[in-house]
Amino acid sequence: MTARKDVRDRILAAAAVLFGARGLHGARTADIAKRARTTERTLFKYFPTKERSEEHTSELQSPCNLVCR
């Protein structure tokens, strides 16, 4: 897996977990970035809005494989 894909997958996994727990509007981008072990700036580089990241979370088969450790 490339480093770029790893970062993207960690962001998506973190977003999926937080959207599930808090809903789209309750999940803060700062919390998504922290859980994904990256910065908000990097998060927005991959996904300009929370809605865009939410659209892509279905690409992951199991978000917990990446962030629920």
Protein backbone atom coordinates (compact mmCIF):
# COMPACT_ATOMS: atom_id res chain seq x y z
CA MET A 1 0.00 0.00 0.00
CA THR A 2 1.34 3.43 -0.85
CA ALA A 3 1.74 6.07 1.82
CA ARG A 4 -0.82 8.27 0.07
CA LYS A 5 -3.42 5.47 -0.01
CA ASP A 6 -2.67 4.67 3.63
CA VAL A 7 -3.39 8.27 4.69
CA ARG A 8 -6.58 8.35 2.61
CA ASP A 9 -7.77 5.05 4.08
CA ARG A 10 -7.03 6.20 7.64
CA ILE A 11 -9.03 9.37 7.04
CA LEU A 12 -11.95 7.43 5.61
CA ALA A 13 -11.88 4.91 8.43
CA ALA A 14 -11.78 7.61 11.09
CA ALA A 15 -14.61 9.47 9.36
CA ALA A 16 -16.71 6.31 9.14
CA VAL A 17 -16.30 5.61 12.86
CA LEU A 18 -17.08 9.18 13.91
CA PHE A 19 -19.98 9.60 11.48
CA GLY A 20 -21.43 6.40 12.88
CA ALA A 21 -21.02 7.55 16.46
CA ARG A 22 -21.88 11.24 16.11
CA GLY A 23 -23.54 11.73 12.74
CA LEU A 24 -22.27 13.89 9.91
CA HIS A 25 -22.82 17.19 11.68
CA GLY A 26 -21.59 15.98 15.07
CA ALA A 27 -18.26 14.68 13.77
CA ARG A 28 -15.71 17.49 13.82
CA THR A 29 -12.96 17.58 11.22
CA ALA A 30 -10.39 18.09 13.99
CA ASP A 31 -11.53 14.83 15.61
CA ILE A 32 -11.44 12.98 12.29
CA ALA A 33 -7.90 14.20 11.63
CA LYS A 34 -6.74 13.31 15.14
CA ARG A 35 -8.20 9.80 14.93
CA ALA A 36 -6.60 9.35 11.49
CA ARG A 37 -3.22 10.50 12.90
CA THR A 38 -2.96 13.39 10.45
CA THR A 39 -3.72 17.11 10.28
CA GLU A 40 -6.89 18.92 9.27
CA ARG A 41 -4.93 20.45 6.40
CA THR A 42 -4.14 16.97 5.07
CA LEU A 43 -7.75 15.87 5.60
CA PHE A 44 -9.01 18.78 3.49
CA LYS A 45 -6.38 18.05 0.82
CA TYR A 46 -8.02 14.66 0.28
CA PHE A 47 -11.61 15.64 1.03
CA PRO A 48 -12.57 19.35 0.76
CA THR A 49 -15.76 18.79 2.80
CA LYS A 50 -17.06 16.31 5.37
CA GLU A 51 -19.79 15.40 2.92
CA ARG A 52 -17.17 14.34 0.37
CA SER A 53 -15.44 12.09 2.89
CA GLU A 54 -18.77 10.60 3.93
CA GLU A 55 -19.54 9.76 0.28
CA HIS A 56 -16.32 7.71 0.10
CA THR A 57 -16.52 5.84 3.42
CA SER A 58 -18.34 2.97 1.74
CA GLU A 59 -15.08 2.17 -0.11
CA LEU A 60 -13.71 0.63 3.08
CA GLN A 61 -14.73 -2.89 3.92
CA SER A 62 -14.11 -2.57 7.63
CA PRO A 63 -13.16 0.82 9.10
CA CYS A 64 -12.34 -0.76 12.45
CA ASN A 65 -9.47 -2.68 10.87
CA LEU A 66 -7.63 0.62 10.63
CA VAL A 67 -8.67 2.74 13.63
CA CYS A 68 -10.31 0.63 16.35
CA ARG A 69 -7.09 -0.70 17.81
